[in-house]
Amino acid sequence: MCPNSDQYESVCKGEFAEIKGKLDRLDESIRGNGKPGILLRLDRLESAEAVRSRLLWIIAGSTVTLALGALWKIIFGA
């Protein structure tokens, strides 16, 4: 803490108030205050990425299956 009360009032008090204000804004950004915060938005992005990844594998698997089926039909003429 500051060595004397005069220095606290003139310098430290304002600095502490500024730091507290910045911390409050950071906390509001992370948690959100009635609106989606960074944590919720990150969770939504991760969920969307998981769905997109699964969908991509389903599409890739279907494409390979169709291609192999067409190749089989061309080779063996079934």
Protein backbone atom coordinates (compact mmCIF):
# COMPACT_ATOMS: atom_id res chain seq x y z
CA MET A 1 0.00 0.00 0.00
CA CYS A 2 1.08 3.63 -0.31
CA PRO A 3 3.35 4.93 2.49
CA ASN A 4 1.14 7.84 3.55
CA SER A 5 -2.45 8.85 3.32
CA ASP A 6 -1.84 11.91 1.13
CA GLN A 7 -0.15 9.84 -1.55
CA TYR A 8 -2.99 7.30 -1.40
CA GLU A 9 -5.61 9.99 -1.96
CA SER A 10 -3.71 11.77 -4.73
CA VAL A 11 -2.24 8.83 -6.66
CA CYS A 12 -3.22 5.36 -5.52
CA LYS A 13 -6.96 5.84 -5.10
CA GLY A 14 -7.43 6.89 -8.72
CA GLU A 15 -5.19 4.12 -10.00
CA PHE A 16 -7.03 1.49 -7.98
CA ALA A 17 -10.36 2.79 -9.25
CA GLU A 18 -9.09 2.61 -12.85
CA ILE A 19 -7.81 -0.95 -12.36
CA LYS A 20 -11.10 -2.00 -10.76
CA GLY A 21 -13.02 -0.51 -13.70
CA LYS A 22 -10.88 -2.43 -16.18
CA LEU A 23 -11.34 -5.67 -14.24
CA ASP A 24 -15.09 -5.14 -14.17
CA ARG A 25 -15.16 -4.64 -17.95
CA LEU A 26 -13.05 -7.77 -18.48
CA ASP A 27 -15.33 -9.79 -16.21
CA GLU A 28 -18.39 -8.53 -18.08
CA SER A 29 -16.80 -9.43 -21.41
CA ILE A 30 -15.93 -12.94 -20.26
CA ARG A 31 -19.17 -13.80 -18.46
CA GLY A 32 -21.58 -11.54 -20.28
CA ASN A 33 -24.08 -9.33 -18.51
CA GLY A 34 -27.45 -10.20 -19.95
CA LYS A 35 -25.89 -10.94 -23.32
CA PRO A 36 -23.61 -13.75 -24.51
CA GLY A 37 -20.14 -13.46 -23.06
CA ILE A 38 -16.89 -14.82 -24.42
CA LEU A 39 -17.32 -18.14 -22.57
CA LEU A 40 -20.77 -18.80 -24.06
CA ARG A 41 -19.68 -17.71 -27.54
CA LEU A 42 -16.62 -19.97 -27.36
CA ASP A 43 -18.80 -22.89 -26.27
CA ARG A 44 -21.15 -22.27 -29.20
CA LEU A 45 -18.22 -22.15 -31.63
CA GLU A 46 -16.83 -25.43 -30.29
CA SER A 47 -20.25 -27.10 -30.58
CA ALA A 48 -20.69 -25.85 -34.13
CA GLU A 49 -17.22 -27.12 -35.04
CA ALA A 50 -18.04 -30.57 -33.63
CA VAL A 51 -21.25 -30.74 -35.70
CA ARG A 52 -19.43 -29.51 -38.81
CA SER A 53 -16.70 -32.09 -38.33
CA ARG A 54 -19.20 -34.94 -38.00
CA LEU A 55 -21.12 -33.74 -41.04
CA LEU A 56 -17.90 -33.53 -43.06
CA TRP A 57 -17.01 -37.14 -42.18
CA ILE A 58 -20.53 -38.30 -43.14
CA ILE A 59 -20.29 -36.51 -46.49
CA ALA A 60 -16.78 -37.88 -47.12
CA GLY A 61 -17.88 -41.42 -46.25
CA SER A 62 -20.93 -41.18 -48.50
CA THR A 63 -18.84 -39.85 -51.37
CA VAL A 64 -16.28 -42.65 -51.05
CA THR A 65 -19.07 -45.24 -50.86
CA LEU A 66 -20.75 -43.84 -53.99
CA ALA A 67 -17.45 -43.68 -55.85
CA LEU A 68 -16.58 -47.27 -54.96
CA GLY A 69 -20.07 -48.42 -55.94
CA ALA A 70 -19.77 -46.70 -59.32
CA LEU A 71 -16.30 -48.19 -59.82
CA TRP A 72 -17.60 -51.65 -58.94
CA LYS A 73 -20.45 -51.22 -61.43
CA ILE A 74 -18.04 -50.13 -64.17
CA ILE A 75 -15.58 -52.98 -63.54
CA PHE A 76 -18.01 -55.85 -63.03
CA GLY A 77 -20.97 -54.44 -64.97
CA ALA A 78 -23.53 -55.43 -62.40
